Protein backbone atom coordinates (compact mmCIF):
# COMPACT_ATOMS: atom_id res chain seq x y z
CA MET A 1 6.33 18.77 16.46
CA ASN A 2 4.18 21.47 14.93
CA LYS A 3 3.50 20.37 11.37
CA ASN A 4 4.24 23.77 9.84
CA LYS A 5 7.58 23.88 11.61
CA LYS A 6 8.19 20.29 10.63
CA LYS A 7 7.40 21.07 7.01
CA VAL A 8 9.87 23.96 6.98
CA PHE A 9 12.46 21.82 8.73
CA LEU A 10 12.07 19.02 6.22
CA ALA A 11 12.21 21.40 3.25
CA VAL A 12 15.38 22.98 4.59
CA GLY A 13 16.80 19.59 5.51
CA ILE A 14 16.17 18.17 2.05
CA THR A 15 17.75 21.23 0.42
CA VAL A 16 20.77 21.12 2.71
CA PHE A 17 21.56 17.46 2.27
CA MET A 18 21.00 17.78 -1.49
CA LEU A 19 23.41 20.70 -1.73
CA PHE A 20 25.91 18.93 0.49
CA ASP A 21 25.79 15.80 -1.60
CA VAL A 22 26.04 17.65 -4.92
CA ILE A 23 29.11 19.51 -3.64
CA ASN A 24 30.48 16.25 -2.31
CA PHE A 25 29.99 14.55 -5.67
CA ALA A 26 31.87 17.34 -7.43
CA PHE A 27 34.99 16.37 -5.49
CA ALA A 28 34.50 12.65 -4.94
CA LEU A 29 32.80 10.98 -7.88
CA ASP A 30 32.90 7.33 -6.85
CA GLU A 31 30.34 4.68 -5.96
CA ASN A 32 30.93 4.99 -2.24
CA SER A 33 30.08 8.71 -2.22
CA ILE A 34 26.99 8.09 -4.30
CA GLN A 35 25.84 5.20 -2.15
CA SER A 36 26.42 7.27 1.00
CA ALA A 37 24.29 10.11 -0.36
CA LEU A 38 21.52 7.78 -1.46
CA ASP A 39 21.63 6.00 1.89
CA LYS A 40 21.06 9.34 3.62
CA ALA A 41 18.20 10.16 1.29
CA ASN A 42 16.63 6.74 1.75
CA LYS A 43 17.03 7.01 5.51
CA LYS A 44 15.14 10.30 5.51
CA LEU A 45 12.52 8.70 3.31
CA GLU A 46 12.16 5.76 5.69
CA GLN A 47 11.80 8.12 8.67
CA GLU A 48 9.05 10.02 6.91
CA LYS A 49 7.30 6.80 5.94
CA SER A 50 7.51 5.67 9.55
CA GLU A 51 5.88 8.92 10.69
CA LEU A 52 3.23 8.48 8.03
CA ASN A 53 2.44 4.99 9.34
CA VAL A 54 2.17 6.38 12.88
CA SER A 55 -0.25 9.07 11.67
CA LYS A 56 -2.30 6.48 9.80
CA GLY A 57 -2.47 4.41 12.98
CA LEU A 58 -3.62 7.44 14.95
CA LEU A 59 -6.24 8.19 12.32
CA GLN A 60 -7.54 4.64 12.47
CA LYS A 61 -7.74 4.84 16.26
CA ASN A 62 -9.44 8.24 16.05
CA GLN A 63 -12.01 6.91 13.58
CA VAL A 64 -12.86 4.11 15.99
CA GLN A 65 -13.24 6.65 18.81
CA VAL A 66 -15.46 8.89 16.68
CA GLY A 67 -17.62 5.91 15.78
CA THR A 68 -17.88 4.88 19.44
CA THR A 69 -18.84 8.41 20.52
CA LYS A 70 -21.47 8.68 17.79
CA ASN A 71 -22.96 5.38 18.95
CA LYS A 72 -23.05 6.64 22.52
CA ILE A 73 -24.88 9.79 21.39
CA VAL A 74 -27.43 7.69 19.51
CA GLU A 75 -27.87 5.42 22.55
CA THR A 76 -28.29 8.44 24.85
CA VAL A 77 -30.86 10.07 22.57
CA THR A 78 -32.73 6.78 22.41
CA GLU A 79 -32.70 6.57 26.21
CA ILE A 80 -33.90 10.18 26.51
CA ASN A 81 -36.76 9.45 24.13
CA ARG A 82 -37.63 6.36 26.17
CA LYS A 83 -37.69 8.39 29.38
CA GLU A 84 -39.89 11.02 27.73
CA SER A 85 -42.23 8.24 26.68
CA GLU A 86 -42.29 6.96 30.28
CA LEU A 87 -43.05 10.44 31.55
CA GLN A 88 -45.88 10.77 29.08
CA ASN A 89 -47.27 7.41 30.20
CA LEU A 90 -47.12 8.53 33.83
CA ASN A 91 -48.87 11.79 32.96
CA ASP A 92 -51.53 9.77 31.17
CA GLN A 93 -51.94 7.60 34.29
CA ILE A 94 -52.33 10.68 36.48
CA GLU A 95 -54.96 12.06 34.17
CA LEU A 96 -56.72 8.69 34.24
CA TYR A 97 -56.63 8.57 38.04
CA LYS A 98 -57.99 12.11 38.19
CA LYS A 99 -60.87 11.06 35.98
CA ILE A 100 -61.50 7.96 38.10
CA LEU A 101 -61.39 10.08 41.25
CA ALA A 102 -63.75 12.64 39.76
CA ALA A 103 -66.15 9.91 38.67
CA TYR A 104 -66.04 8.34 42.09
CA LEU A 105 -66.72 11.65 43.80
CA GLN A 106 -69.53 12.25 41.38
CA GLU A 107 -70.98 8.86 42.28
CA LEU A 108 -70.73 9.68 45.99
CA TYR A 109 -72.53 12.92 45.36
CA PHE A 110 -75.43 11.30 43.65
CA ASP A 111 -75.59 8.46 46.17
CA ASN A 112 -75.53 10.64 49.25
CA GLN A 113 -77.14 13.79 47.88
CA ASP A 114 -74.72 15.70 50.01
CA PRO A 115 -74.24 19.32 48.91
CA LEU A 116 -71.03 19.48 50.92
CA ILE A 117 -69.33 17.19 48.40
CA GLN A 118 -69.79 19.70 45.61
CA LEU A 119 -68.46 22.41 47.88
CA ALA A 120 -65.45 20.25 48.78
CA MET A 121 -64.70 19.54 45.11
CA ALA A 122 -64.85 23.22 44.30
CA ASN A 123 -62.40 23.88 47.12
CA GLU A 124 -60.38 20.80 46.10
CA ASN A 125 -60.45 19.68 49.76
CA LEU A 126 -60.52 15.89 49.48
CA ASN A 127 -60.37 15.43 53.29
CA ASP A 128 -63.79 17.02 53.68
CA ILE A 129 -65.17 14.47 51.23
CA PHE A 130 -63.46 11.31 52.46
CA GLY A 131 -63.32 12.11 56.20
CA ASN A 132 -66.66 10.53 57.17
CA THR A 133 -66.37 6.78 56.51
CA ASP A 134 -63.69 4.10 56.50
CA GLN A 135 -64.68 3.03 53.02
CA THR A 136 -64.19 6.44 51.47
CA LEU A 137 -60.96 6.92 53.44
CA ASN A 138 -59.55 3.65 52.10
CA ILE A 139 -60.36 4.58 48.49
CA LYS A 140 -58.92 8.05 49.00
CA GLU A 141 -55.68 6.69 50.43
CA LYS A 142 -55.24 4.20 47.60
CA ILE A 143 -55.82 6.74 44.86
CA LEU A 144 -53.68 9.39 46.50
CA GLY A 145 -51.00 6.80 47.19
CA LEU A 146 -50.91 5.83 43.54
CA MET A 147 -50.72 9.45 42.54
CA GLN A 148 -47.85 10.03 44.96
CA ASP A 149 -45.99 7.02 43.54
CA ILE A 150 -46.50 8.37 40.06
CA ASP A 151 -45.29 11.78 41.15
CA SER A 152 -42.15 10.21 42.68
CA SER A 153 -41.55 8.24 39.50
CA GLN A 154 -41.96 11.43 37.50
CA GLN A 155 -39.29 13.12 39.58
CA VAL A 156 -36.86 10.21 39.18
CA ILE A 157 -37.42 10.02 35.44
CA SER A 158 -37.12 13.78 35.04
CA GLN A 159 -33.82 13.74 36.93
CA THR A 160 -32.58 10.81 34.83
CA LYS A 161 -33.61 12.65 31.69
CA GLU A 162 -31.63 15.70 32.78
CA GLU A 163 -28.59 13.54 33.52
CA LEU A 164 -28.91 11.92 30.11
CA ALA A 165 -29.14 15.34 28.48
CA ASP A 166 -25.92 16.35 30.27
CA LYS A 167 -24.27 13.14 29.15
CA LYS A 168 -25.39 13.76 25.56
CA ALA A 169 -23.88 17.26 25.72
CA GLU A 170 -20.60 15.77 27.00
CA HIS A 171 -20.56 13.20 24.19
CA GLU A 172 -21.23 15.89 21.60
CA LYS A 173 -18.39 18.00 22.99
CA LEU A 174 -16.08 14.99 22.91
CA LEU A 175 -17.17 14.20 19.36
CA GLN A 176 -16.33 17.74 18.29
CA GLN A 177 -12.86 17.45 19.87
CA GLN A 178 -12.29 14.10 18.17
CA LYS A 179 -13.29 15.54 14.79
CA VAL A 180 -10.88 18.44 15.27
CA ALA A 181 -8.13 15.93 16.11
CA GLN A 182 -9.10 13.88 13.08
CA GLY A 183 -8.72 16.92 10.84
CA GLU A 184 -5.25 17.59 12.25
CA ILE A 185 -4.20 13.96 11.71
CA VAL A 186 -5.49 14.02 8.13
CA GLY A 187 -3.50 17.21 7.61
CA ASP A 188 -0.38 15.51 9.00
CA ILE A 189 -0.89 12.56 6.65
CA GLN A 190 -1.30 14.81 3.63
CA GLU A 191 1.85 16.75 4.50
CA SER A 192 3.81 13.53 5.08
CA GLN A 193 2.65 12.18 1.73
CA ALA A 194 3.68 15.43 0.04
CA THR A 195 7.10 15.28 1.75
CA ILE A 196 7.57 11.64 0.72
CA ALA A 197 6.67 12.50 -2.87
CA GLU A 198 9.18 15.36 -2.79
CA LEU A 199 11.91 13.13 -1.37
CA GLN A 200 11.23 10.43 -3.95
CA LYS A 201 11.37 13.01 -6.74
CA LYS A 202 14.65 14.44 -5.42
CA ILE A 203 16.16 10.96 -5.10
CA ALA A 204 15.12 10.12 -8.65
CA GLU A 205 16.57 13.39 -9.93
CA LEU A 206 19.77 12.81 -7.99
CA ARG A 207 20.17 9.29 -9.35
CA SER A 208 19.47 10.48 -12.88
CA ALA A 209 21.96 13.34 -12.58
CA LEU A 210 24.65 11.01 -11.25
CA SER A 211 24.09 8.19 -13.67
CA SER A 212 26.28 9.92 -16.27
CA PHE A 213 29.18 9.69 -13.80
CA LEU A 214 28.51 6.10 -12.84
CA GLY A 215 28.07 4.23 -16.07
CA LYS A 216 24.98 3.04 -17.90
CA SER A 217 21.64 3.21 -16.14
CA TYR A 218 18.59 1.15 -17.06
CA SER A 219 14.84 1.80 -17.08
CA THR A 220 12.83 0.35 -14.24
CA LYS A 221 10.46 -1.41 -16.61
CA ASP A 222 13.29 -3.17 -18.45
CA ILE A 223 14.77 -4.31 -15.13
CA ASP A 224 11.35 -5.49 -13.93
CA ASP A 225 10.96 -7.59 -17.07
CA ALA A 226 14.43 -9.09 -16.63
CA VAL A 227 13.77 -9.82 -12.95
CA ALA A 228 10.49 -11.57 -13.79
CA PHE A 229 12.28 -13.70 -16.40
CA ALA A 230 15.16 -14.60 -14.07
CA SER A 231 12.83 -15.40 -11.17
CA LYS A 232 10.76 -17.76 -13.31
CA ALA A 233 13.87 -19.37 -14.79
CA THR A 234 15.60 -20.05 -11.46
CA GLY A 235 12.92 -20.15 -8.73
CA VAL A 236 14.50 -17.27 -6.81
CA ARG A 237 11.90 -14.98 -5.23
CA LYS A 238 11.23 -11.84 -7.32
CA ALA A 239 11.22 -9.46 -4.34
CA PHE A 240 14.56 -10.88 -3.19
CA LEU A 241 16.10 -10.35 -6.61
CA GLN A 242 14.79 -6.79 -6.65
CA ALA A 243 16.32 -6.17 -3.22
CA GLU A 244 19.70 -7.50 -4.37
CA LEU A 245 19.64 -5.18 -7.37
CA ILE A 246 18.67 -2.21 -5.18
CA VAL A 247 21.66 -2.81 -2.91
CA GLU A 248 24.07 -3.63 -5.73
CA THR A 249 23.32 -0.85 -8.22
CA GLY A 250 20.33 1.16 -6.99
CA TYR A 251 18.15 -0.99 -9.25
CA GLY A 252 20.33 -0.29 -12.26
CA THR A 253 20.80 3.42 -11.58
CA PHE A 254 24.59 3.21 -11.23
CA THR A 255 26.54 0.25 -12.53
CA GLY A 256 30.06 1.60 -12.26
CA GLY A 257 32.05 4.79 -12.70
CA CYS A 258 35.59 3.57 -13.29
CA THR A 259 37.61 1.72 -15.92
CA TYR A 260 39.92 -1.22 -15.40
CA LYS A 261 42.90 1.14 -15.77
CA ASN A 262 42.17 3.37 -12.76
CA ILE A 263 40.93 0.99 -10.05
CA ARG A 264 42.36 -1.60 -7.72
CA MET A 265 41.68 -5.04 -9.28
CA LYS A 266 43.16 -8.47 -8.79
CA THR A 267 45.45 -9.47 -11.61
CA ALA A 268 43.29 -12.49 -12.40
CA ASP A 269 40.23 -10.25 -12.71
CA VAL A 270 42.06 -7.80 -14.98
CA ASN A 271 43.17 -10.61 -17.25
CA GLN A 272 39.73 -12.20 -17.35
CA PHE A 273 38.05 -8.83 -17.96
CA LEU A 274 40.27 -8.22 -21.00
CA LYS A 275 39.45 -11.68 -22.39
CA THR A 276 35.73 -11.15 -21.81
CA ALA A 277 35.87 -7.68 -23.35
CA ASP A 278 37.61 -9.03 -26.47
CA GLU A 279 35.07 -11.85 -26.83
CA LEU A 280 32.08 -9.50 -26.46
CA SER A 281 33.56 -6.89 -28.78
CA LYS A 282 33.97 -9.50 -31.51
CA ALA A 283 30.45 -10.85 -30.95
CA TYR A 284 28.52 -7.60 -30.55
CA GLY A 285 30.83 -4.83 -31.78
CA GLY A 286 32.12 -1.80 -29.92
CA ASP A 287 34.99 -1.62 -27.48
CA TYR A 288 34.02 -3.44 -24.28
CA LYS A 289 37.36 -2.50 -22.71
CA LYS A 290 35.89 0.98 -22.24
CA LYS A 291 32.94 -0.37 -20.28
CA LYS A 292 32.52 1.12 -16.80
CA LEU A 293 33.30 -1.07 -13.80
CA SER A 294 32.70 -0.62 -10.09
CA CYS A 295 35.26 1.56 -8.36
CA SER A 296 37.48 0.33 -5.54
CA PRO A 297 35.81 0.71 -2.12
CA LYS A 298 37.42 3.21 0.24
CA TRP A 299 37.32 0.70 3.09
CA GLY A 300 39.45 -1.78 1.15
CA GLY A 301 38.83 -4.64 -1.22
CA TYR A 302 38.71 -4.52 -4.99
CA GLY A 303 36.71 -2.91 -7.76
CA GLY A 304 35.99 -4.23 -11.24
CA ALA A 305 32.42 -5.56 -10.91
CA MET A 306 30.53 -5.60 -14.21
CA GLY A 307 27.00 -4.58 -15.18
CA VAL A 308 23.73 -4.40 -13.26
CA ALA A 309 24.45 -7.58 -11.29
CA GLN A 310 28.04 -6.54 -10.43
CA PHE A 311 29.82 -9.77 -11.36
CA MET A 312 33.59 -9.88 -10.93
CA PRO A 313 35.20 -11.08 -14.19
CA THR A 314 36.59 -14.30 -12.71
CA THR A 315 33.20 -15.09 -11.20
CA TRP A 316 31.32 -14.33 -14.40
CA ILE A 317 33.32 -16.84 -16.40
CA GLY A 318 32.02 -19.65 -14.20
CA TYR A 319 28.36 -18.78 -14.88
CA LYS A 320 28.26 -17.56 -18.47
CA ALA A 321 27.49 -21.01 -19.96
CA LYS A 322 24.57 -21.49 -17.55
CA ILE A 323 23.34 -17.99 -18.35
CA SER A 324 23.48 -18.66 -22.09
CA ALA A 325 21.43 -21.82 -21.55
CA LYS A 326 18.68 -19.73 -19.89
CA THR A 327 18.71 -16.59 -22.04
CA GLY A 328 20.02 -17.83 -25.39
CA SER A 329 22.77 -15.20 -25.50
CA ASN A 330 26.04 -16.58 -26.81
CA PRO A 331 28.26 -15.29 -25.39
CA ALA A 332 26.44 -14.00 -22.33
CA ASP A 333 26.96 -10.28 -21.70
CA PRO A 334 27.17 -8.96 -18.08
CA TRP A 335 26.06 -5.51 -19.29
CA ASP A 336 22.90 -7.01 -20.82
CA LEU A 337 19.99 -6.88 -18.36
CA ALA A 338 18.58 -10.34 -19.04
CA ASP A 339 22.02 -11.96 -18.93
CA GLY A 340 23.25 -10.06 -15.89
CA ILE A 341 20.12 -10.52 -13.75
CA THR A 342 19.72 -14.16 -14.77
CA GLY A 343 23.35 -14.68 -13.78
CA MET A 344 22.63 -13.07 -10.41
CA ALA A 345 19.62 -15.36 -9.92
CA ILE A 346 21.60 -18.48 -10.87
CA LYS A 347 24.39 -17.58 -8.43
CA LEU A 348 21.91 -16.81 -5.63
CA ALA A 349 20.01 -20.04 -6.30
CA ALA A 350 23.27 -21.98 -6.03
CA GLY A 351 23.83 -20.27 -2.68
CA GLY A 352 20.47 -21.46 -1.33
CA ALA A 353 18.10 -18.64 -2.32
CA THR A 354 15.47 -20.93 -3.86
CA SER A 355 13.96 -20.97 -0.35
CA LYS A 356 13.32 -17.88 1.73
CA SER A 357 15.25 -19.34 4.66
CA GLY A 358 18.36 -19.61 2.51
CA GLU A 359 18.33 -16.04 1.20
CA PHE A 360 20.43 -14.46 3.96
CA LEU A 361 23.37 -16.84 3.46
CA ALA A 362 23.00 -16.59 -0.31
CA SER A 363 23.33 -12.78 -0.06
CA LYS A 364 26.49 -13.10 2.02
CA ARG A 365 28.00 -15.51 -0.49
CA TYR A 366 27.02 -13.27 -3.39
CA TYR A 367 28.76 -10.28 -1.83
CA CYS A 368 31.75 -11.89 -0.14
CA GLY A 369 32.25 -15.29 -1.77
CA GLY A 370 32.37 -17.38 1.37
CA PRO A 371 33.44 -17.65 5.04
CA GLY A 372 37.05 -17.11 4.03
CA SER A 373 36.35 -13.41 3.46
CA ALA A 374 37.87 -11.05 6.05
CA TYR A 375 34.52 -9.25 6.13
CA TRP A 376 32.31 -12.34 6.51
CA ASN A 377 31.09 -11.54 10.03
CA ASN A 378 30.69 -7.76 9.67
CA LYS A 379 30.29 -6.12 6.27
CA CYS A 380 28.92 -9.29 4.71
CA ASN A 381 26.31 -9.57 7.45
CA ASP A 382 25.38 -5.91 7.08
CA TYR A 383 24.96 -6.38 3.34
CA ALA A 384 22.66 -9.40 3.77
CA LYS A 385 20.60 -7.60 6.43
CA LYS A 386 20.10 -4.65 4.10
CA VAL A 387 18.95 -6.95 1.30
CA GLN A 388 16.48 -8.68 3.61
CA SER A 389 15.13 -5.35 4.78
CA PHE A 390 14.58 -4.11 1.22
CA SER A 391 13.00 -7.42 0.17
CA LYS A 392 10.04 -6.77 2.48
CA ASP A 393 8.86 -3.96 0.23
CA PRO A 394 11.26 -3.47 -2.70
CA GLU A 395 8.86 -1.30 -4.69
CA SER A 396 9.13 1.48 -2.12
CA HIS A 397 12.89 1.63 -2.67
CA ILE A 398 12.85 1.67 -6.45
């Protein structure tokens, strides 16, 4: 695709999907709508990154080709110079043989005192000089034979030199074409990088604008610090924890947009949430019953997950003592970053995530509980696959 057209297309595409999502949010402010919009944005970002990687690969290949062509030009010039040196040597040999021949003729002149020799030299008629004796004929034939061989060699070398000059011209033309292509690829890379930066900025702005609808959001640095602490405390891989948080709450961007009063929750979770809220309100002040929880998914299931790690209330109660032992918080608070992320790490570690091979199953258990879930072989698998994908390079998704 022509890059200018592509640039316009991408600019229009970004604007369109942004407008669509903003309009969509105005009428459907729930986690599913937000996640859908961010998924679309991230998909576009991944596509652009993929194209950038292709362009970088092409540039690398082009640079190798340019280097190879330059080497061929250098080799050809070296060969041309060598042929010119050979031609010069042959010319020097001819001049030497001419001098030898002249000296020999001079010697014949003085030996024979024959005025015809001088006349023959003036007329450059060697046959008149060497036609009288076998000895002079033999010398003549040898010298002339050598000169003919040299002349033939000169012709071959001259032809080779011309061929090399043509080859050099072809290499130089190819080099120019490769450099033009290189410039175009560099331009493509720069435009892709600009588009990626624009997408990332728009995604960040979108997340920031929506965070007010979806509960408390956290700074990336604070989450990074909490992840580092939890990883060290539990042995769960940092990149895997980051990936879980990206999938769960967009790395702390949206932690919930509903209250326990307007979502579908299990009775046990409602009761446990109220107990937890009372305990935390007494310990830390404020009214925890007003804390935002995850909304009920459109596809079914229940809402009510708490904080950055999205613990259900009945699940949280089983981990809060272990969390307190790691973080020192008493009671542990699911809306506190260190407590919530450490709780996530403890739960994942219990599911097998202390080894990379156990991460996939641990993700499924974290999301669905266990094989008894109706979604164990579909949505639970999809969730775990997404986490694994993000864990390869979590920083690019934050």
